[in-house]
Amino acid sequence: MAGTTPGTPGTPRVLRAMNDRAALDLLLEHGPLSRTRIGKLTGLSKPTASQLLARLEAAGLVIETGTTAGRPGPNAQLYAVNPRAAYAAGLDVSPRLIRAAVADVTGAVVGEFELRTPGRPAEGGVVRQVADALTGAVTAAGLGGLDALHRVVIGTPGAFDPATGRLRYASHLPGWHSPTLLEELAVALPMPFEYENDVNLVAVAEQRLGAAQGHEDFVLLWNETGVGAAVVLGGRLHRGFTGGAGEVGFLPVPGTPLVRQVTKANSGGFQELAGVQSIPRIAKTLGIDTREQPYVETAAALLAHAAAHHDEDARYAELLDTYAERLATGLAAVVAVLDPELLVLAGEAVTPGGEPLRARVQAQLADLAAARPRLVLAAVAPHPVLRGALENALAATRDEVFDTSR
């Protein structure tokens, strides 16, 4: 009979690696644990748990951290994941700002940096901006340089077409549309990097940390500078053939004229009907002073004020009613196609409306859609795009760093 090769499922090496990863995941979930507790949670004997911890400590993945002093019984040594075992970073790219953060392998954010990016960058400027934002976060984290990062995830509006490598659905992001940009970033950055749509990253954050935990099928509607959606089916993001799944701002919907050449206009029916710019317009028709502020800030302030005063001022109640109907109009089309278990409302043009807006959208949707998914507000704040980028970067980093079978 042929012998098994190293790494074959069922061999001692693979079983040890599985136990190692289980223990590391438990330490991430629960924080510092004793050898006895790790043994009970993993089902391992005390000697095997001791060997496991010694192995992980020698590999630099686990450190001793305090004891169980103050609890009944003799003191026991506590163990934790070594936060310095690896570092990962995330970027949130928007038209005028790149926000960067570095997290250690436990998920604790150890450095942040914001780089203002007004106007169109000079040739090669996007690569420099990415490097500068990462360098700022690495410096804030007290790390030596970019080579200290194990992996980076970059979140942008739109999506990079897998066939052409060109960013699509984001004409408002200047300088990011070169077909060679990804190759240029690969040359300039010393670590592996991935890219992901910003709204998809918000869904990642909500699924792992927020309102969508425990849900395998949900749609997240994001409304901030633009209207977009993330679609999660069977626990996995659905990106579509060109990465454009969820670009619901382009949906033709009743209540607004047809928008043609939508990619050139960078807008569509649902965007015109319920985008951030619609909220001050609704307010003006109701005689509400909107003042001269950027749309997002104005919309957020209006929604927050409406949520606080809709019971005492009929104008704010009508603002919420009108806007809820507009949101529900587009969501009804999404529900008819996907029939999700859950809808998550996110973004600064939605969440400030709080429960008064959510309840109105839920009621409108019950009239407009045959299926009736539960509607909830997003829970991850602040900077959910950045948090989702970090979560993706950390997941890949842990898979690689915690693999002791190699």
Protein backbone atom coordinates (compact mmCIF):
# COMPACT_ATOMS: atom_id res chain seq x y z
CA MET A 1 0.00 0.00 0.00
CA ALA A 2 1.40 3.41 -0.94
CA GLY A 3 2.37 5.60 1.96
CA THR A 4 0.73 8.95 2.59
CA THR A 5 2.61 12.10 1.68
CA PRO A 6 3.16 15.05 4.02
CA GLY A 7 0.09 17.25 4.08
CA THR A 8 -2.34 14.47 3.10
CA PRO A 9 -5.69 14.93 4.90
CA GLY A 10 -5.77 12.78 8.01
CA THR A 11 -2.01 12.76 8.57
CA PRO A 12 -0.61 13.95 11.91
CA ARG A 13 0.71 17.17 10.36
CA VAL A 14 -2.67 18.17 8.97
CA LEU A 15 -4.48 17.22 12.17
CA ARG A 16 -2.03 19.28 14.22
CA ALA A 17 -2.53 22.21 11.87
CA MET A 18 -6.31 21.90 12.22
CA ASN A 19 -6.02 21.88 16.00
CA ASP A 20 -3.63 24.84 15.89
CA ARG A 21 -6.04 26.87 13.79
CA ALA A 22 -8.99 25.95 16.00
CA ALA A 23 -7.09 27.13 19.06
CA LEU A 24 -6.04 30.39 17.39
CA ASP A 25 -9.61 31.09 16.32
CA LEU A 26 -10.82 30.48 19.88
CA LEU A 27 -8.22 32.90 21.23
CA LEU A 28 -9.36 35.52 18.71
CA GLU A 29 -12.99 34.99 19.68
CA HIS A 30 -12.64 34.77 23.47
CA GLY A 31 -9.42 36.62 24.24
CA PRO A 32 -6.81 35.18 26.63
CA LEU A 33 -7.47 31.58 27.68
CA SER A 34 -5.76 29.09 29.95
CA ARG A 35 -4.37 25.79 28.75
CA THR A 36 -7.20 23.96 30.52
CA ARG A 37 -9.86 26.14 28.91
CA ILE A 38 -8.35 25.69 25.46
CA GLY A 39 -8.33 21.95 26.02
CA LYS A 40 -12.00 21.92 26.99
CA LEU A 41 -13.08 24.11 24.06
CA THR A 42 -11.12 22.07 21.51
CA GLY A 43 -11.70 18.65 23.08
CA LEU A 44 -7.96 18.07 23.40
CA SER A 45 -6.26 16.44 26.37
CA LYS A 46 -4.10 18.57 28.66
CA PRO A 47 -0.84 17.14 27.30
CA THR A 48 -1.95 17.72 23.71
CA ALA A 49 -3.11 21.26 24.53
CA SER A 50 0.25 21.92 26.20
CA GLN A 51 2.11 20.69 23.12
CA LEU A 52 -0.12 22.82 20.91
CA LEU A 53 0.55 25.97 22.91
CA ALA A 54 4.28 25.29 23.01
CA ARG A 55 4.27 24.85 19.23
CA LEU A 56 2.33 28.06 18.63
CA GLU A 57 4.51 29.98 21.06
CA ALA A 58 7.68 28.78 19.32
CA ALA A 59 6.16 29.87 15.98
CA GLY A 60 5.55 33.38 17.37
CA LEU A 61 1.77 33.05 17.04
CA VAL A 62 0.90 32.90 20.76
CA ILE A 63 2.26 34.73 23.79
CA GLU A 64 1.82 34.40 27.53
CA THR A 65 -0.30 37.19 28.95
CA GLY A 66 -1.05 37.27 32.67
CA THR A 67 -2.65 34.65 34.86
CA THR A 68 -6.04 33.78 36.28
CA ALA A 69 -5.21 35.51 39.59
CA GLY A 70 -8.33 36.50 41.52
CA ARG A 71 -10.34 33.50 40.38
CA PRO A 72 -11.13 30.42 42.50
CA GLY A 73 -8.41 27.77 42.47
CA PRO A 74 -4.71 27.96 41.67
CA ASN A 75 -3.47 30.58 39.26
CA ALA A 76 -3.14 29.43 35.64
CA GLN A 77 -1.13 30.94 32.83
CA LEU A 78 -3.19 32.71 30.17
CA TYR A 79 -2.33 32.69 26.47
CA ALA A 80 -3.30 35.09 23.68
CA VAL A 81 -2.69 35.51 19.99
CA ASN A 82 0.52 37.47 19.45
CA PRO A 83 -0.73 40.75 17.97
CA ARG A 84 2.67 41.34 16.35
CA ALA A 85 2.52 38.09 14.37
CA ALA A 86 1.28 39.99 11.30
CA TYR A 87 -0.24 43.28 10.18
CA ALA A 88 -2.80 43.99 7.48
CA ALA A 89 -4.13 47.22 6.02
CA GLY A 90 -7.26 48.54 4.36
CA LEU A 91 -7.91 51.56 2.13
CA ASP A 92 -11.18 53.39 1.56
CA VAL A 93 -10.86 55.40 -1.65
CA SER A 94 -13.32 58.19 -2.44
CA PRO A 95 -13.07 61.09 -4.90
CA ARG A 96 -11.48 63.55 -2.43
CA LEU A 97 -10.05 61.34 0.29
CA ILE A 98 -8.13 58.12 0.84
CA ARG A 99 -8.59 56.73 4.33
CA ALA A 100 -6.07 54.08 5.44
CA ALA A 101 -5.81 51.90 8.52
CA VAL A 102 -3.47 49.19 9.80
CA ALA A 103 -4.62 46.41 12.11
CA ASP A 104 -2.62 43.78 13.91
CA VAL A 105 -3.57 40.13 13.40
CA THR A 106 -6.05 40.25 16.32
CA GLY A 107 -8.04 42.93 14.48
CA ALA A 108 -7.06 45.86 16.70
CA VAL A 109 -6.51 49.03 14.67
CA VAL A 110 -3.04 50.33 15.47
CA GLY A 111 -2.62 53.14 12.93
CA GLU A 112 -4.83 55.39 10.80
CA PHE A 113 -4.21 58.11 8.22
CA GLU A 114 -6.28 60.31 5.93
CA LEU A 115 -4.89 61.67 2.67
CA ARG A 116 -6.80 64.47 0.98
CA THR A 117 -6.88 64.01 -2.80
CA PRO A 118 -8.56 67.07 -4.33
CA GLY A 119 -8.65 67.28 -8.10
CA ARG A 120 -7.21 64.98 -10.74
CA PRO A 121 -3.84 63.46 -9.81
CA ALA A 122 -0.82 63.91 -12.04
CA GLU A 123 0.38 60.99 -14.16
CA GLY A 124 1.29 58.14 -11.85
CA GLY A 125 -0.26 60.07 -9.00
CA VAL A 126 -2.76 57.39 -7.96
CA VAL A 127 0.01 54.91 -7.20
CA ARG A 128 1.81 57.59 -5.20
CA GLN A 129 -1.38 58.47 -3.34
CA VAL A 130 -1.95 54.83 -2.36
CA ALA A 131 1.65 54.47 -1.19
CA ASP A 132 1.49 57.77 0.73
CA ALA A 133 -1.76 56.81 2.48
CA LEU A 134 -0.39 53.42 3.46
CA THR A 135 2.89 54.95 4.62
CA GLY A 136 0.98 57.40 6.81
CA ALA A 137 -0.98 54.59 8.48
CA VAL A 138 2.13 52.43 8.90
CA THR A 139 3.99 55.35 10.47
CA ALA A 140 1.06 56.02 12.82
CA ALA A 141 1.22 52.34 13.81
CA GLY A 142 4.90 52.66 14.71
CA LEU A 143 5.97 50.10 12.12
CA GLY A 144 9.15 50.31 10.10
CA GLY A 145 7.78 50.52 6.57
CA LEU A 146 5.35 49.12 4.03
CA ASP A 147 7.12 45.76 4.06
CA ALA A 148 5.72 45.27 7.58
CA LEU A 149 2.29 44.73 6.01
CA HIS A 150 1.29 41.20 5.12
CA ARG A 151 -1.63 42.19 2.88
CA VAL A 152 -3.71 45.19 1.77
CA VAL A 153 -7.30 45.44 0.55
CA ILE A 154 -8.29 48.53 -1.44
CA GLY A 155 -11.94 49.57 -1.52
CA THR A 156 -13.16 51.81 -4.36
CA PRO A 157 -16.46 52.82 -5.87
CA GLY A 158 -17.32 50.78 -8.96
CA ALA A 159 -15.42 47.61 -9.81
CA PHE A 160 -12.36 46.55 -11.74
CA ASP A 161 -13.46 44.59 -14.81
CA PRO A 162 -11.71 41.20 -14.59
CA ALA A 163 -11.41 41.05 -18.39
CA THR A 164 -9.83 44.46 -18.95
CA GLY A 165 -8.42 45.44 -15.56
CA ARG A 166 -10.10 48.84 -15.93
CA LEU A 167 -12.25 50.44 -13.24
CA ARG A 168 -15.90 50.64 -14.29
CA TYR A 169 -19.02 52.30 -12.87
CA ALA A 170 -16.97 55.02 -11.14
CA SER A 171 -16.39 57.88 -13.56
CA HIS A 172 -16.37 60.25 -10.57
CA LEU A 173 -13.08 58.78 -9.28
CA PRO A 174 -10.40 60.75 -11.16
CA GLY A 175 -7.16 59.06 -12.14
CA TRP A 176 -8.26 55.50 -11.38
CA HIS A 177 -9.23 54.37 -14.87
CA SER A 178 -5.91 53.44 -16.43
CA PRO A 179 -5.95 49.85 -17.78
CA THR A 180 -2.43 49.39 -16.35
CA LEU A 181 -3.19 50.72 -12.87
CA LEU A 182 -3.34 47.32 -11.18
CA GLU A 183 -0.01 46.33 -12.70
CA GLU A 184 1.53 49.61 -11.57
CA LEU A 185 0.27 49.07 -8.03
CA ALA A 186 1.65 45.52 -8.02
CA VAL A 187 5.09 46.86 -8.94
CA ALA A 188 5.00 49.70 -6.41
CA LEU A 189 3.63 47.84 -3.37
CA PRO A 190 5.86 45.31 -1.58
CA MET A 191 2.92 43.24 -0.30
CA PRO A 192 0.03 41.37 -1.98
CA PHE A 193 -3.05 43.51 -2.46
CA GLU A 194 -6.65 42.94 -3.42
CA TYR A 195 -9.34 45.32 -4.55
CA GLU A 196 -13.05 45.28 -3.83
CA ASN A 197 -16.10 47.44 -4.41
CA ASP A 198 -16.70 49.78 -1.48
CA VAL A 199 -20.34 48.78 -0.96
CA ASN A 200 -19.38 45.11 -1.00
CA LEU A 201 -16.92 45.87 1.79
CA VAL A 202 -19.68 47.49 3.86
CA ALA A 203 -21.62 44.24 3.45
CA VAL A 204 -18.56 42.28 4.61
CA ALA A 205 -18.35 44.46 7.72
CA GLU A 206 -22.06 44.06 8.46
CA GLN A 207 -21.97 40.29 7.92
CA ARG A 208 -19.00 39.75 10.22
CA LEU A 209 -19.55 42.45 12.82
CA GLY A 210 -22.92 44.12 12.39
CA ALA A 211 -26.58 43.79 11.50
CA ALA A 212 -26.22 40.90 9.04
CA GLN A 213 -24.41 38.46 11.34
CA GLY A 214 -25.84 34.97 10.92
CA HIS A 215 -27.52 35.77 7.58
CA GLU A 216 -26.57 33.95 4.38
CA ASP A 217 -28.83 35.84 1.95
CA PHE A 218 -29.13 39.60 2.24
CA VAL A 219 -28.92 42.82 0.28
CA LEU A 220 -27.27 45.94 1.64
CA LEU A 221 -28.45 49.23 0.17
CA TRP A 222 -25.80 51.94 0.43
CA ASN A 223 -26.79 55.58 -0.07
CA GLU A 224 -24.15 58.21 0.41
CA THR A 225 -22.57 60.05 -2.52
CA GLY A 226 -24.24 57.45 -4.75
CA VAL A 227 -26.82 54.68 -4.51
CA GLY A 228 -25.45 51.15 -4.66
CA ALA A 229 -26.09 47.71 -3.28
CA ALA A 230 -24.17 44.62 -2.21
CA VAL A 231 -25.71 41.22 -2.86
CA VAL A 232 -24.81 38.27 -0.61
CA LEU A 233 -26.17 34.88 -1.70
CA GLY A 234 -25.38 31.69 0.15
CA GLY A 235 -23.00 33.62 2.39
CA ARG A 236 -20.89 34.85 -0.54
CA LEU A 237 -20.75 38.17 -2.35
CA HIS A 238 -22.28 38.10 -5.82
CA ARG A 239 -20.23 40.40 -8.05
CA GLY A 240 -21.65 39.71 -11.51
CA PHE A 241 -19.86 39.09 -14.81
CA THR A 242 -18.12 42.49 -14.95
CA GLY A 243 -18.19 43.21 -11.22
CA GLY A 244 -21.25 45.42 -11.63
CA ALA A 245 -23.80 43.45 -9.61
CA GLY A 246 -25.47 45.85 -7.21
CA GLU A 247 -25.12 49.03 -9.28
CA VAL A 248 -28.76 49.74 -8.52
CA GLY A 249 -28.39 53.48 -8.93
CA PHE A 250 -28.76 52.77 -12.67
CA LEU A 251 -32.15 51.05 -12.19
CA PRO A 252 -34.96 52.63 -14.25
CA VAL A 253 -37.77 53.25 -11.77
CA PRO A 254 -41.13 55.03 -11.87
CA GLY A 255 -41.19 58.57 -10.58
CA THR A 256 -38.31 59.93 -12.64
CA PRO A 257 -37.61 60.31 -16.38
CA LEU A 258 -35.55 57.60 -18.07
CA VAL A 259 -31.84 58.29 -17.86
CA ARG A 260 -30.02 57.18 -21.00
CA GLN A 261 -26.28 56.66 -21.45
CA VAL A 262 -26.15 55.98 -17.74
CA THR A 263 -22.42 55.29 -17.53
CA LYS A 264 -21.64 58.63 -19.16
CA ALA A 265 -24.13 60.40 -16.92
CA ASN A 266 -22.88 58.38 -13.92
CA SER A 267 -26.49 58.29 -12.82
CA GLY A 268 -29.74 56.46 -13.38
CA GLY A 269 -33.38 56.39 -12.37
CA PHE A 270 -32.99 55.19 -8.79
CA GLN A 271 -30.08 57.57 -8.22
CA GLU A 272 -32.16 60.50 -9.44
CA LEU A 273 -35.20 59.42 -7.43
CA ALA A 274 -33.60 58.58 -4.08
CA GLY A 275 -29.96 59.66 -4.19
CA VAL A 276 -28.49 61.99 -1.60
CA GLN A 277 -29.27 65.03 -3.74
CA SER A 278 -32.99 64.25 -3.62
CA ILE A 279 -33.33 64.89 0.12
CA PRO A 280 -32.65 68.66 0.09
CA ARG A 281 -34.90 68.94 -2.97
CA ILE A 282 -37.78 67.25 -1.15
CA ALA A 283 -37.14 69.52 1.85
CA LYS A 284 -37.28 72.69 -0.27
CA THR A 285 -40.68 71.73 -1.69
CA LEU A 286 -41.89 71.44 1.90
CA GLY A 287 -40.56 74.86 2.89
CA ILE A 288 -37.67 73.52 4.99
CA ASP A 289 -34.48 75.62 5.08
CA THR A 290 -31.67 73.44 3.70
CA ARG A 291 -28.88 76.07 3.77
CA GLU A 292 -25.88 75.94 1.51
CA GLN A 293 -23.91 72.84 2.50
CA PRO A 294 -22.56 69.83 0.59
CA TYR A 295 -25.33 67.39 -0.25
CA VAL A 296 -24.22 64.59 2.07
CA GLU A 297 -23.89 66.83 5.12
CA THR A 298 -27.19 68.54 4.36
CA ALA A 299 -29.01 65.24 3.79
CA ALA A 300 -27.67 63.68 6.98
CA ALA A 301 -28.63 66.75 9.03
CA LEU A 302 -32.10 66.87 7.49
CA LEU A 303 -32.75 63.19 8.16
CA ALA A 304 -31.47 63.39 11.73
CA HIS A 305 -33.63 66.45 12.41
CA ALA A 306 -36.64 64.81 10.78
CA ALA A 307 -36.19 61.68 12.89
CA ALA A 308 -36.10 63.82 16.04
CA HIS A 309 -39.00 66.14 15.20
CA HIS A 310 -41.41 64.26 12.89
CA ASP A 311 -43.98 63.94 15.70
CA GLU A 312 -44.18 67.70 16.25
CA ASP A 313 -43.64 69.10 12.75
CA ALA A 314 -45.73 67.72 9.88
CA ARG A 315 -43.17 68.91 7.32
CA TYR A 316 -40.54 66.54 8.68
CA ALA A 317 -43.02 63.67 8.81
CA GLU A 318 -43.81 64.31 5.14
CA LEU A 319 -40.11 64.46 4.32
CA LEU A 320 -39.64 61.01 5.83
CA ASP A 321 -42.78 59.67 4.13
CA THR A 322 -41.76 60.91 0.70
CA TYR A 323 -38.18 59.77 0.94
CA ALA A 324 -39.19 56.36 2.33
CA GLU A 325 -41.51 55.82 -0.64
CA ARG A 326 -38.67 56.62 -3.02
CA LEU A 327 -36.29 54.21 -1.32
CA ALA A 328 -38.93 51.50 -1.26
CA THR A 329 -39.63 51.97 -4.99
CA GLY A 330 -36.13 50.88 -5.92
CA LEU A 331 -35.92 48.24 -3.20
CA ALA A 332 -39.13 46.63 -4.47
CA ALA A 333 -37.39 45.87 -7.78
CA VAL A 334 -34.42 44.38 -5.94
CA VAL A 335 -36.69 42.23 -3.76
CA ALA A 336 -38.67 41.00 -6.77
CA VAL A 337 -35.50 39.67 -8.41
CA LEU A 338 -33.51 38.39 -5.42
CA ASP A 339 -36.06 37.63 -2.65
CA PRO A 340 -33.48 38.19 0.11
CA GLU A 341 -33.93 37.17 3.72
CA LEU A 342 -32.76 40.57 4.98
CA LEU A 343 -32.33 44.13 3.74
CA VAL A 344 -29.73 46.36 5.40
CA LEU A 345 -29.94 50.14 4.99
CA ALA A 346 -26.58 51.90 5.18
CA GLY A 347 -24.88 55.20 4.39
CA GLU A 348 -25.13 58.81 5.51
CA ALA A 349 -28.17 59.42 3.30
CA VAL A 350 -30.14 56.77 5.23
CA THR A 351 -28.93 55.87 8.72
CA PRO A 352 -29.42 59.35 10.29
CA GLY A 353 -33.14 58.81 9.66
CA GLY A 354 -33.04 56.07 12.27
CA GLU A 355 -36.06 54.01 13.22
CA PRO A 356 -38.65 56.55 11.95
CA LEU A 357 -37.26 56.24 8.40
CA ARG A 358 -36.67 52.49 8.62
CA ALA A 359 -40.23 51.80 9.76
CA ARG A 360 -41.64 53.90 6.92
CA VAL A 361 -39.52 52.12 4.29
CA GLN A 362 -40.61 48.75 5.72
CA ALA A 363 -44.27 49.78 5.52
CA GLN A 364 -43.95 51.09 1.96
CA LEU A 365 -42.10 47.97 0.87
CA ALA A 366 -44.90 45.79 2.25
CA ASP A 367 -47.27 47.53 -0.21
CA LEU A 368 -44.90 47.42 -3.20
CA ALA A 369 -43.28 43.97 -3.00
CA ALA A 370 -44.73 40.47 -2.82
CA ALA A 371 -41.93 39.19 -0.60
CA ARG A 372 -41.41 40.91 2.73
CA PRO A 373 -37.82 40.67 3.94
CA ARG A 374 -36.91 42.11 7.30
CA LEU A 375 -35.42 45.60 7.06
CA VAL A 376 -32.67 46.74 9.46
CA LEU A 377 -30.28 49.65 9.82
CA ALA A 378 -26.54 49.10 9.44
CA ALA A 379 -24.66 48.78 12.71
CA VAL A 380 -20.96 49.17 11.82
CA ALA A 381 -19.68 52.72 12.35
CA PRO A 382 -17.65 54.73 11.77
CA HIS A 383 -16.00 54.11 8.38
CA PRO A 384 -17.68 50.81 7.40
CA VAL A 385 -15.87 50.61 4.03
CA LEU A 386 -12.53 50.75 5.79
CA ARG A 387 -13.64 48.21 8.39
CA GLY A 388 -14.74 45.83 5.64
CA ALA A 389 -11.41 46.24 3.87
CA LEU A 390 -9.59 45.41 7.10
CA GLU A 391 -11.82 42.37 7.70
CA ASN A 392 -11.02 40.99 4.24
CA ALA A 393 -7.32 41.69 4.63
CA LEU A 394 -7.25 40.08 8.07
CA ALA A 395 -9.11 36.97 6.91
CA ALA A 396 -6.58 36.31 4.16
CA THR A 397 -3.65 37.17 6.42
CA ARG A 398 -4.82 34.77 9.14
CA ASP A 399 -5.33 31.96 6.62
CA GLU A 400 -1.71 32.33 5.57
CA VAL A 401 0.01 33.17 8.87
CA PHE A 402 -1.97 30.66 10.97
CA ASP A 403 -1.30 27.77 8.58
CA THR A 404 1.20 25.64 10.53
CA SER A 405 1.05 22.68 8.13
CA ARG A 406 3.72 24.14 5.85
